[in-house]
C-alpha atoms as a PDB file:
ATOM      1  CA  TYR A   1     -16.741  17.351 -11.119  1.00  0.00           C
ATOM      2  CA  GLU A   2     -16.983  19.840 -13.956  1.00  0.00           C
ATOM      3  CA  MET A   3     -15.334  17.476 -16.431  1.00  0.00           C
ATOM      4  CA  ALA A   4     -17.795  14.718 -15.536  1.00  0.00           C
ATOM      5  CA  THR A   5     -20.991  16.760 -15.335  1.00  0.00           C
ATOM      6  CA  GLY A   6     -20.346  19.866 -17.433  1.00  0.00           C
ATOM      7  CA  LYS A   7     -21.262  22.065 -14.461  1.00  0.00           C
ATOM      8  CA  LEU A   8     -19.469  23.693 -11.545  1.00  0.00           C
ATOM      9  CA  PRO A   9     -19.824  21.749  -8.298  1.00  0.00           C
ATOM     10  CA  VAL A  10     -20.775  24.869  -6.340  1.00  0.00           C
ATOM     11  CA  PRO A  11     -22.772  27.262  -8.536  1.00  0.00           C
ATOM     12  CA  GLY A  12     -23.096  30.010  -5.941  1.00  0.00           C
ATOM     13  CA  PRO A  13     -24.069  32.557  -4.898  1.00  0.00           C
ATOM     14  CA  ASN A  14     -22.395  31.712  -1.579  1.00  0.00           C
ATOM     15  CA  PHE A  15     -19.485  29.549  -2.765  1.00  0.00           C
ATOM     16  CA  LEU A  16     -17.679  29.335   0.571  1.00  0.00           C
ATOM     17  CA  ALA A  17     -20.708  28.261   2.604  1.00  0.00           C
ATOM     18  CA  GLN A  18     -21.846  25.795  -0.052  1.00  0.00           C
ATOM     19  CA  ASN A  19     -18.381  24.268  -0.237  1.00  0.00           C
ATOM     20  CA  GLN A  20     -18.093  24.015   3.543  1.00  0.00           C
ATOM     21  CA  GLU A  21     -21.413  22.153   3.640  1.00  0.00           C
ATOM     22  CA  LEU A  22     -20.545  20.034   0.575  1.00  0.00           C
ATOM     23  CA  PHE A  23     -23.707  21.369  -1.000  1.00  0.00           C
ATOM     24  CA  PHE A  24     -23.682  20.127  -4.581  1.00  0.00           C
ATOM     25  CA  ILE A  25     -25.782  17.888  -6.798  1.00  0.00           C
ATOM     26  CA  ARG A  26     -24.285  14.408  -6.782  1.00  0.00           C
ATOM     27  CA  PRO A  27     -22.714  13.427 -10.136  1.00  0.00           C
ATOM     28  CA  SER A  28     -24.957  10.358 -10.289  1.00  0.00           C
ATOM     29  CA  GLN A  29     -27.945  12.713 -10.377  1.00  0.00           C
ATOM     30  CA  ALA A  30     -26.383  15.508 -12.430  1.00  0.00           C
ATOM     31  CA  ALA A  31     -24.980  13.357 -15.222  1.00  0.00           C
ATOM     32  CA  GLY A  32     -26.284   9.831 -14.751  1.00  0.00           C
ATOM     33  CA  LEU A  33     -22.942   8.514 -13.539  1.00  0.00           C
ATOM     34  CA  PRO A  34     -22.555   5.466 -11.269  1.00  0.00           C
ATOM     35  CA  ALA A  35     -23.410   6.168  -7.624  1.00  0.00           C
ATOM     36  CA  ALA A  36     -19.920   4.978  -6.606  1.00  0.00           C
ATOM     37  CA  PHE A  37     -18.508   8.023  -8.412  1.00  0.00           C
ATOM     38  CA  ASP A  38     -20.274  10.263  -5.870  1.00  0.00           C
ATOM     39  CA  ALA A  39     -18.004   9.108  -3.033  1.00  0.00           C
ATOM     40  CA  VAL A  40     -14.879   9.832  -5.070  1.00  0.00           C
ATOM     41  CA  ILE A  41     -16.054  13.335  -5.938  1.00  0.00           C
ATOM     42  CA  GLU A  42     -17.187  14.041  -2.384  1.00  0.00           C
ATOM     43  CA  ARG A  43     -13.751  13.124  -1.071  1.00  0.00           C
ATOM     44  CA  ALA A  44     -12.006  15.197  -3.760  1.00  0.00           C
ATOM     45  CA  LEU A  45     -14.107  18.249  -2.874  1.00  0.00           C
ATOM     46  CA  GLN A  46     -13.645  18.077   0.905  1.00  0.00           C
ATOM     47  CA  PRO A  47     -13.025  21.551   2.353  1.00  0.00           C
ATOM     48  CA  GLU A  48     -10.421  20.151   4.766  1.00  0.00           C
ATOM     49  CA  PRO A  49      -7.269  19.264   2.763  1.00  0.00           C
ATOM     50  CA  SER A  50      -6.375  16.346   5.036  1.00  0.00           C
ATOM     51  CA  ARG A  51      -9.638  14.627   4.058  1.00  0.00           C
ATOM     52  CA  ARG A  52      -8.953  14.864   0.296  1.00  0.00           C
ATOM     53  CA  PHE A  53      -6.925  12.458  -1.806  1.00  0.00           C
ATOM     54  CA  HIS A  54      -3.241  12.823  -0.969  1.00  0.00           C
ATOM     55  CA  SER A  55      -1.981  12.283  -4.509  1.00  0.00           C
ATOM     56  CA  ALA A  56      -3.112  12.053  -8.095  1.00  0.00           C
ATOM     57  CA  ALA A  57      -2.259   8.349  -7.983  1.00  0.00           C
ATOM     58  CA  GLU A  58      -4.652   7.855  -5.075  1.00  0.00           C
ATOM     59  CA  LEU A  59      -7.421   9.670  -6.975  1.00  0.00           C
ATOM     60  CA  ALA A  60      -6.690   7.659 -10.126  1.00  0.00           C
ATOM     61  CA  ALA A  61      -6.912   4.405  -8.146  1.00  0.00           C
ATOM     62  CA  ALA A  62     -10.294   5.428  -6.720  1.00  0.00           C
ATOM     63  CA  LEU A  63     -11.587   6.342 -10.174  1.00  0.00           C
ATOM     64  CA  GLY A  64     -10.232   3.059 -11.550  1.00  0.00           C
ATOM     65  CA  ALA A  65     -12.107   1.144  -8.876  1.00  0.00           C
ATOM     66  CA  VAL A  66     -15.333   2.875  -9.903  1.00  0.00           C
ATOM     67  CA  ALA A  67     -14.681   2.092 -13.561  1.00  0.00           C
ATOM     68  CA  ASP A  68     -14.002  -1.565 -12.761  1.00  0.00           C
ATOM     69  CA  ALA A  69     -17.177  -1.948 -10.686  1.00  0.00           C
END
């Protein structure tokens, strides 16, 4: 998120609560990125580890799909 937008995904002050609620400005709004990128970032930032990408290869494939769209 930070590499794409230049900002932290959860600016605070209550980092834990904001992260649990996935409270962040979508990258498509924060940096004018494609809306499809939002789903990738939302999955990567999931508070529950089992809901995140399981490998860097899986994340790279999802980002590649956004780039190809």
